[in-house]
């Protein structure tokens, strides 16, 4: 609580400027980490939940608006090249059966039995719902 004399707006601005950058007692200079640059960008741009901040030039200390993109996690991983690295790393653990399913003609449906069982379940559920609502069995 300031019970003394009030500072003029000019004085307040001078005090603020006198503590900027390297003049600030908390200044870390070259000791600042990449994470501190990322945290600053996150505070400044406040991305919505589920989105991340991407530094276009790769420098986390360059928080200029022209260097910032707001991306989803997947978009960010693709942009940084981390998605390709993740896929390549995971390919090493693929079994021969998985490789065959992916490289085969039906590579778009490689989830296998689990996916097809779920589709069968959904169709049967829809059929039962029609029987209950309309009171008639669908013709095959």
N, C-alpha and C. Protein backbone atom coordinates (compact mmCIF):
# COMPACT_ATOMS: atom_id res chain seq x y z
N UNK A 1 0.83 -1.18 0.00
CA UNK A 1 0.00 0.00 0.00
C UNK A 1 0.88 1.24 0.00
N UNK A 2 0.67 2.11 -0.98
CA UNK A 2 1.48 3.31 -1.12
C UNK A 2 0.77 4.48 -0.43
N UNK A 3 1.27 4.85 0.77
CA UNK A 3 0.65 5.96 1.50
C UNK A 3 1.36 7.28 1.21
N UNK A 4 2.48 7.20 0.50
CA UNK A 4 3.25 8.41 0.22
C UNK A 4 2.81 9.10 -1.05
N UNK A 5 3.74 9.83 -1.63
CA UNK A 5 3.47 10.63 -2.82
C UNK A 5 3.21 9.73 -4.03
N UNK A 6 2.27 10.09 -4.88
CA UNK A 6 1.96 9.36 -6.09
C UNK A 6 2.94 9.75 -7.18
N UNK A 7 3.35 8.75 -8.00
CA UNK A 7 4.26 9.02 -9.11
C UNK A 7 3.47 9.48 -10.33
N UNK A 8 4.07 10.38 -11.09
CA UNK A 8 3.43 10.83 -12.33
C UNK A 8 3.56 9.72 -13.38
N UNK A 9 2.72 9.74 -14.40
CA UNK A 9 2.83 8.73 -15.46
C UNK A 9 4.21 8.72 -16.12
N UNK A 10 4.84 9.88 -16.27
CA UNK A 10 6.18 9.95 -16.87
C UNK A 10 7.19 9.24 -15.99
N UNK A 11 7.10 9.45 -14.68
CA UNK A 11 8.03 8.81 -13.75
C UNK A 11 7.82 7.29 -13.75
N UNK A 12 6.57 6.86 -13.78
CA UNK A 12 6.27 5.43 -13.82
C UNK A 12 6.89 4.80 -15.07
N UNK A 13 6.78 5.49 -16.21
CA UNK A 13 7.34 4.98 -17.47
C UNK A 13 8.87 4.92 -17.39
N UNK A 14 9.49 5.94 -16.80
CA UNK A 14 10.95 5.95 -16.65
C UNK A 14 11.40 4.79 -15.77
N UNK A 15 10.67 4.52 -14.69
CA UNK A 15 11.03 3.42 -13.80
C UNK A 15 10.88 2.08 -14.53
N UNK A 16 9.83 1.96 -15.35
CA UNK A 16 9.61 0.72 -16.09
C UNK A 16 10.75 0.48 -17.07
N UNK A 17 11.10 1.53 -17.83
CA UNK A 17 12.16 1.41 -18.83
C UNK A 17 13.51 1.13 -18.17
N UNK A 18 13.73 1.67 -16.99
CA UNK A 18 15.02 1.48 -16.32
C UNK A 18 15.26 0.03 -15.89
N UNK A 19 14.22 -0.80 -15.90
CA UNK A 19 14.37 -2.20 -15.49
C UNK A 19 14.18 -3.18 -16.64
N UNK A 20 14.19 -2.68 -17.87
CA UNK A 20 14.00 -3.56 -19.02
C UNK A 20 15.31 -4.25 -19.40
N UNK A 21 15.17 -5.46 -19.93
CA UNK A 21 16.31 -6.18 -20.48
C UNK A 21 17.40 -6.46 -19.48
N UNK A 22 18.63 -6.16 -19.88
CA UNK A 22 19.80 -6.50 -19.06
C UNK A 22 19.86 -5.68 -17.78
N UNK A 23 19.07 -4.61 -17.66
CA UNK A 23 19.05 -3.80 -16.44
C UNK A 23 18.19 -4.43 -15.35
N UNK A 24 17.40 -5.41 -15.72
CA UNK A 24 16.53 -6.07 -14.75
C UNK A 24 17.36 -7.00 -13.86
N UNK A 25 17.15 -6.98 -12.54
CA UNK A 25 17.92 -7.85 -11.66
C UNK A 25 17.68 -9.34 -11.91
N UNK A 26 16.57 -9.69 -12.55
CA UNK A 26 16.29 -11.10 -12.85
C UNK A 26 16.78 -11.51 -14.25
N UNK A 27 17.48 -10.61 -14.95
CA UNK A 27 17.94 -10.87 -16.31
C UNK A 27 18.89 -12.06 -16.33
N UNK A 28 18.62 -13.01 -17.21
CA UNK A 28 19.46 -14.20 -17.31
C UNK A 28 20.39 -14.14 -18.51
N UNK A 29 20.14 -13.25 -19.44
CA UNK A 29 21.02 -13.08 -20.59
C UNK A 29 21.17 -14.35 -21.39
N UNK A 30 22.41 -14.77 -21.63
CA UNK A 30 22.69 -15.96 -22.42
C UNK A 30 22.31 -17.24 -21.69
N UNK A 31 22.01 -17.15 -20.41
CA UNK A 31 21.64 -18.34 -19.65
C UNK A 31 20.17 -18.72 -19.83
N UNK A 32 19.40 -17.90 -20.53
CA UNK A 32 17.98 -18.21 -20.77
C UNK A 32 17.90 -19.48 -21.62
N UNK A 33 16.99 -20.37 -21.28
CA UNK A 33 16.86 -21.63 -22.01
C UNK A 33 15.82 -21.50 -23.11
N UNK A 34 15.80 -22.48 -24.01
CA UNK A 34 14.80 -22.49 -25.08
C UNK A 34 13.40 -22.56 -24.49
N UNK A 35 13.27 -23.29 -23.39
CA UNK A 35 11.95 -23.40 -22.74
C UNK A 35 11.45 -22.05 -22.25
N UNK A 36 12.36 -21.20 -21.78
CA UNK A 36 11.91 -19.89 -21.30
C UNK A 36 11.38 -19.06 -22.47
N UNK A 37 11.99 -19.18 -23.65
CA UNK A 37 11.48 -18.50 -24.83
C UNK A 37 10.11 -19.02 -25.23
N UNK A 38 9.93 -20.35 -25.14
CA UNK A 38 8.63 -20.95 -25.49
C UNK A 38 7.56 -20.53 -24.49
N UNK A 39 7.92 -20.47 -23.21
CA UNK A 39 6.95 -20.05 -22.19
C UNK A 39 6.52 -18.61 -22.41
N UNK A 40 7.48 -17.75 -22.79
CA UNK A 40 7.15 -16.35 -23.08
C UNK A 40 6.17 -16.26 -24.24
N UNK A 41 6.41 -17.05 -25.29
CA UNK A 41 5.51 -17.03 -26.46
C UNK A 41 4.13 -17.53 -26.06
N UNK A 42 4.08 -18.56 -25.23
CA UNK A 42 2.79 -19.11 -24.81
C UNK A 42 2.01 -18.08 -24.00
N UNK A 43 2.70 -17.36 -23.11
CA UNK A 43 2.02 -16.32 -22.32
C UNK A 43 1.54 -15.18 -23.22
N UNK A 44 2.36 -14.82 -24.20
CA UNK A 44 2.04 -13.67 -25.04
C UNK A 44 0.89 -13.95 -26.00
N UNK A 45 0.88 -15.13 -26.62
CA UNK A 45 -0.11 -15.43 -27.66
C UNK A 45 -1.27 -16.28 -27.15
N UNK A 46 -1.13 -16.92 -26.01
CA UNK A 46 -2.19 -17.67 -25.35
C UNK A 46 -3.02 -18.51 -26.33
N UNK A 47 -2.44 -19.59 -26.88
CA UNK A 47 -3.18 -20.39 -27.86
C UNK A 47 -4.36 -21.10 -27.21
N UNK A 48 -5.44 -21.35 -27.97
CA UNK A 48 -6.59 -22.07 -27.41
C UNK A 48 -6.19 -23.50 -27.05
N UNK A 49 -6.98 -24.12 -26.21
CA UNK A 49 -6.69 -25.49 -25.78
C UNK A 49 -6.64 -26.42 -26.99
N UNK A 50 -5.64 -27.28 -27.03
CA UNK A 50 -5.48 -28.20 -28.15
C UNK A 50 -4.59 -27.66 -29.25
N UNK A 51 -4.10 -26.43 -29.11
CA UNK A 51 -3.23 -25.81 -30.11
C UNK A 51 -1.87 -25.50 -29.49
N UNK A 52 -0.87 -25.40 -30.35
CA UNK A 52 0.49 -25.11 -29.92
C UNK A 52 1.06 -23.96 -30.73
N UNK A 53 2.14 -23.38 -30.20
CA UNK A 53 2.81 -22.28 -30.90
C UNK A 53 4.00 -22.84 -31.66
N UNK A 54 4.09 -22.48 -32.95
CA UNK A 54 5.20 -22.91 -33.79
C UNK A 54 6.01 -21.68 -34.19
N UNK A 55 7.33 -21.74 -33.94
CA UNK A 55 8.24 -20.68 -34.36
C UNK A 55 8.71 -21.03 -35.77
N UNK A 56 8.35 -20.21 -36.75
CA UNK A 56 8.63 -20.51 -38.15
C UNK A 56 10.12 -20.67 -38.41
N UNK A 57 10.94 -19.79 -37.84
CA UNK A 57 12.38 -19.87 -38.08
C UNK A 57 13.09 -20.84 -37.13
N UNK A 58 12.35 -21.47 -36.24
CA UNK A 58 12.94 -22.44 -35.32
C UNK A 58 13.61 -21.83 -34.10
N UNK A 59 13.63 -20.51 -33.99
CA UNK A 59 14.26 -19.82 -32.87
C UNK A 59 13.20 -19.48 -31.83
N UNK A 60 13.20 -20.18 -30.67
CA UNK A 60 12.17 -19.93 -29.67
C UNK A 60 12.28 -18.57 -28.99
N UNK A 61 13.40 -17.86 -29.20
CA UNK A 61 13.54 -16.53 -28.61
C UNK A 61 12.96 -15.44 -29.52
N UNK A 62 12.67 -15.78 -30.78
CA UNK A 62 12.10 -14.82 -31.72
C UNK A 62 10.58 -14.93 -31.65
N UNK A 63 9.97 -14.13 -30.78
CA UNK A 63 8.52 -14.18 -30.59
C UNK A 63 7.80 -13.07 -31.34
N UNK A 64 8.37 -12.64 -32.44
CA UNK A 64 7.73 -11.65 -33.29
C UNK A 64 6.48 -12.27 -33.92
N UNK A 65 5.38 -11.54 -34.02
CA UNK A 65 4.15 -12.11 -34.58
C UNK A 65 4.32 -12.71 -35.98
N UNK A 66 5.24 -12.17 -36.78
CA UNK A 66 5.46 -12.72 -38.12
C UNK A 66 6.18 -14.07 -38.08
N UNK A 67 6.74 -14.43 -36.93
CA UNK A 67 7.45 -15.70 -36.79
C UNK A 67 6.62 -16.76 -36.06
N UNK A 68 5.38 -16.44 -35.73
CA UNK A 68 4.56 -17.34 -34.92
C UNK A 68 3.40 -17.90 -35.73
N UNK A 69 3.15 -19.21 -35.58
CA UNK A 69 1.96 -19.85 -36.14
C UNK A 69 1.29 -20.61 -35.01
N UNK A 70 -0.03 -20.60 -34.97
CA UNK A 70 -0.79 -21.39 -34.01
C UNK A 70 -1.27 -22.63 -34.76
N UNK A 71 -0.82 -23.80 -34.31
CA UNK A 71 -1.11 -25.07 -35.00
C UNK A 71 -1.64 -26.11 -34.02
N UNK A 72 -2.31 -27.12 -34.57
CA UNK A 72 -2.68 -28.27 -33.73
C UNK A 72 -1.42 -29.07 -33.46
N UNK A 73 -1.49 -29.99 -32.53
CA UNK A 73 -0.33 -30.83 -32.19
C UNK A 73 0.17 -31.59 -33.42
N UNK A 74 -0.77 -32.18 -34.17
CA UNK A 74 -0.40 -32.97 -35.35
C UNK A 74 0.25 -32.07 -36.41
N UNK A 75 -0.36 -30.90 -36.68
CA UNK A 75 0.22 -29.98 -37.65
C UNK A 75 1.62 -29.54 -37.23
N UNK A 76 1.79 -29.28 -35.93
CA UNK A 76 3.07 -28.85 -35.41
C UNK A 76 4.13 -29.94 -35.59
N UNK A 77 3.75 -31.18 -35.31
CA UNK A 77 4.69 -32.29 -35.47
C UNK A 77 5.07 -32.48 -36.94
N UNK A 78 4.12 -32.31 -37.84
CA UNK A 78 4.41 -32.43 -39.27
C UNK A 78 5.34 -31.30 -39.70
N UNK A 79 5.03 -30.09 -39.27
CA UNK A 79 5.83 -28.91 -39.64
C UNK A 79 7.27 -29.02 -39.15
N UNK A 80 7.47 -29.54 -37.94
CA UNK A 80 8.82 -29.67 -37.37
C UNK A 80 9.55 -30.92 -37.86
N UNK A 81 8.85 -31.82 -38.54
CA UNK A 81 9.48 -33.07 -38.99
C UNK A 81 9.47 -34.15 -37.92
N UNK A 82 8.82 -33.89 -36.80
CA UNK A 82 8.78 -34.88 -35.73
C UNK A 82 7.84 -36.03 -36.05
N UNK A 83 6.80 -35.79 -36.87
CA UNK A 83 5.86 -36.83 -37.21
C UNK A 83 6.55 -37.92 -38.03
N UNK A 84 7.34 -37.52 -39.01
CA UNK A 84 8.06 -38.49 -39.84
C UNK A 84 9.05 -39.28 -38.99
N UNK A 85 9.74 -38.61 -38.08
CA UNK A 85 10.68 -39.30 -37.21
C UNK A 85 9.96 -40.31 -36.32
N UNK A 86 8.78 -39.94 -35.82
CA UNK A 86 8.00 -40.84 -34.98
C UNK A 86 7.56 -42.07 -35.77
N UNK A 87 7.08 -41.86 -36.99
CA UNK A 87 6.64 -42.98 -37.83
C UNK A 87 7.81 -43.90 -38.14
N UNK A 88 8.96 -43.32 -38.50
CA UNK A 88 10.13 -44.14 -38.81
C UNK A 88 10.61 -44.92 -37.60
N UNK A 89 10.55 -44.29 -36.43
CA UNK A 89 10.97 -44.98 -35.21
C UNK A 89 10.02 -46.14 -34.90
N UNK A 90 8.71 -45.92 -35.12
CA UNK A 90 7.74 -46.96 -34.83
C UNK A 90 7.77 -48.08 -35.85
N UNK A 91 8.21 -47.79 -37.08
CA UNK A 91 8.27 -48.83 -38.10
C UNK A 91 9.18 -49.98 -37.68
N UNK A 92 10.19 -49.68 -36.88
CA UNK A 92 11.13 -50.71 -36.44
C UNK A 92 10.44 -51.77 -35.59
N UNK A 93 9.34 -51.39 -34.91
CA UNK A 93 8.66 -52.34 -34.03
C UNK A 93 7.49 -53.03 -34.71
N UNK A 94 7.24 -52.75 -36.00
CA UNK A 94 6.12 -53.39 -36.69
C UNK A 94 6.42 -54.86 -36.92
N UNK A 95 5.41 -55.67 -36.70
CA UNK A 95 5.55 -57.11 -36.96
C UNK A 95 5.40 -57.36 -38.46
N UNK A 96 5.86 -58.53 -38.93
CA UNK A 96 5.68 -58.85 -40.37
C UNK A 96 4.21 -58.82 -40.79
N UNK A 97 3.30 -59.24 -39.89
CA UNK A 97 1.87 -59.23 -40.23
C UNK A 97 1.38 -57.80 -40.45
N UNK A 98 1.83 -56.89 -39.60
CA UNK A 98 1.41 -55.49 -39.74
C UNK A 98 1.95 -54.92 -41.05
N UNK A 99 3.21 -55.22 -41.35
CA UNK A 99 3.81 -54.72 -42.60
C UNK A 99 3.03 -55.23 -43.81
N UNK A 100 2.61 -56.51 -43.75
CA UNK A 100 1.86 -57.10 -44.86
C UNK A 100 0.51 -56.42 -45.03
N UNK A 101 -0.18 -56.17 -43.92
CA UNK A 101 -1.49 -55.51 -44.00
C UNK A 101 -1.36 -54.10 -44.57
N UNK A 102 -0.33 -53.39 -44.16
CA UNK A 102 -0.14 -52.02 -44.62
C UNK A 102 0.23 -51.98 -46.10
N UNK A 103 1.08 -52.89 -46.52
CA UNK A 103 1.54 -52.87 -47.91
C UNK A 103 0.55 -53.52 -48.86
N UNK A 104 -0.43 -54.27 -48.34
CA UNK A 104 -1.40 -54.96 -49.18
C UNK A 104 -2.41 -54.01 -49.81
N UNK A 105 -3.35 -54.58 -50.56
CA UNK A 105 -4.35 -53.78 -51.26
C UNK A 105 -5.27 -53.04 -50.29
N UNK A 106 -5.57 -53.63 -49.15
CA UNK A 106 -6.50 -53.04 -48.19
C UNK A 106 -5.77 -52.24 -47.11
N UNK A 107 -4.72 -51.51 -47.49
CA UNK A 107 -3.94 -50.79 -46.50
C UNK A 107 -4.75 -49.71 -45.78
N UNK A 108 -5.85 -49.22 -46.37
CA UNK A 108 -6.64 -48.17 -45.73
C UNK A 108 -7.45 -48.72 -44.56
N UNK A 109 -7.64 -50.04 -44.47
CA UNK A 109 -8.40 -50.63 -43.37
C UNK A 109 -7.53 -51.63 -42.62
N UNK A 110 -6.41 -51.18 -42.12
CA UNK A 110 -5.47 -52.10 -41.48
C UNK A 110 -5.72 -52.26 -39.98
N UNK A 111 -6.81 -51.70 -39.47
CA UNK A 111 -7.12 -51.88 -38.06
C UNK A 111 -7.57 -53.31 -37.79
N UNK A 112 -7.93 -54.01 -38.84
CA UNK A 112 -8.22 -55.43 -38.73
C UNK A 112 -9.56 -55.73 -38.10
N UNK A 113 -9.60 -56.84 -37.35
CA UNK A 113 -10.85 -57.38 -36.81
C UNK A 113 -11.56 -56.40 -35.89
N UNK A 114 -10.80 -55.64 -35.12
CA UNK A 114 -11.43 -54.74 -34.16
C UNK A 114 -12.34 -53.74 -34.89
N UNK A 115 -11.86 -53.16 -35.98
CA UNK A 115 -12.65 -52.18 -36.73
C UNK A 115 -13.86 -52.84 -37.38
N UNK A 116 -13.65 -54.02 -37.99
CA UNK A 116 -14.76 -54.66 -38.68
C UNK A 116 -15.82 -55.14 -37.68
N UNK A 117 -15.40 -55.59 -36.50
CA UNK A 117 -16.36 -56.00 -35.47
C UNK A 117 -17.18 -54.80 -35.02
N UNK A 118 -16.54 -53.65 -34.90
CA UNK A 118 -17.26 -52.46 -34.48
C UNK A 118 -18.29 -52.05 -35.54
N UNK A 119 -17.91 -52.15 -36.82
CA UNK A 119 -18.84 -51.81 -37.90
C UNK A 119 -20.04 -52.77 -37.89
N UNK A 120 -19.78 -54.06 -37.65
CA UNK A 120 -20.87 -55.04 -37.59
C UNK A 120 -21.80 -54.70 -36.43
N UNK A 121 -21.22 -54.34 -35.31
CA UNK A 121 -22.00 -53.98 -34.13
C UNK A 121 -22.89 -52.78 -34.43
N UNK A 122 -22.34 -51.75 -35.10
CA UNK A 122 -23.11 -50.54 -35.42
C UNK A 122 -24.26 -50.87 -36.38
N UNK A 123 -24.01 -51.72 -37.38
CA UNK A 123 -25.06 -52.09 -38.33
C UNK A 123 -26.19 -52.85 -37.62
N UNK A 124 -25.81 -53.79 -36.75
CA UNK A 124 -26.82 -54.57 -36.02
C UNK A 124 -27.62 -53.66 -35.09
N UNK A 125 -26.98 -52.72 -34.47
CA UNK A 125 -27.65 -51.78 -33.58
C UNK A 125 -28.66 -50.93 -34.36
N UNK A 126 -28.24 -50.46 -35.53
CA UNK A 126 -29.13 -49.67 -36.38
C UNK A 126 -30.33 -50.51 -36.82
N UNK A 127 -30.08 -51.79 -37.20
CA UNK A 127 -31.17 -52.67 -37.63
C UNK A 127 -32.18 -52.87 -36.50
N UNK A 128 -31.70 -53.11 -35.29
CA UNK A 128 -32.60 -53.30 -34.14
C UNK A 128 -33.42 -52.05 -33.86
N UNK A 129 -32.78 -50.90 -34.02
CA UNK A 129 -33.48 -49.64 -33.78
C UNK A 129 -34.63 -49.47 -34.78
N UNK A 130 -34.39 -49.83 -36.03
CA UNK A 130 -35.45 -49.74 -37.05
C UNK A 130 -36.59 -50.68 -36.72
N UNK A 131 -36.28 -51.89 -36.24
CA UNK A 131 -37.32 -52.85 -35.89
C UNK A 131 -38.18 -52.30 -34.76
N UNK A 132 -37.53 -51.69 -33.77
CA UNK A 132 -38.26 -51.14 -32.63
C UNK A 132 -39.13 -49.97 -33.07
N UNK A 133 -38.59 -49.07 -33.89
CA UNK A 133 -39.32 -47.88 -34.29
C UNK A 133 -40.43 -48.19 -35.29
N UNK A 134 -40.11 -48.92 -36.35
CA UNK A 134 -41.06 -49.15 -37.43
C UNK A 134 -41.80 -50.49 -37.30
N UNK A 135 -41.33 -51.37 -36.44
CA UNK A 135 -42.00 -52.65 -36.21
C UNK A 135 -41.89 -53.63 -37.37
N UNK A 136 -40.90 -53.45 -38.22
CA UNK A 136 -40.77 -54.39 -39.33
C UNK A 136 -39.30 -54.78 -39.52
N UNK A 137 -39.10 -55.98 -39.92
CA UNK A 137 -37.75 -56.49 -40.18
C UNK A 137 -37.32 -56.00 -41.56
N UNK A 138 -36.06 -55.54 -41.67
CA UNK A 138 -35.63 -55.09 -42.99
C UNK A 138 -35.38 -56.28 -43.90
N UNK A 139 -35.68 -56.12 -45.19
CA UNK A 139 -35.57 -57.21 -46.15
C UNK A 139 -34.11 -57.34 -46.61
N UNK A 140 -33.72 -58.59 -46.78
CA UNK A 140 -32.33 -58.83 -47.23
C UNK A 140 -32.32 -59.26 -48.66
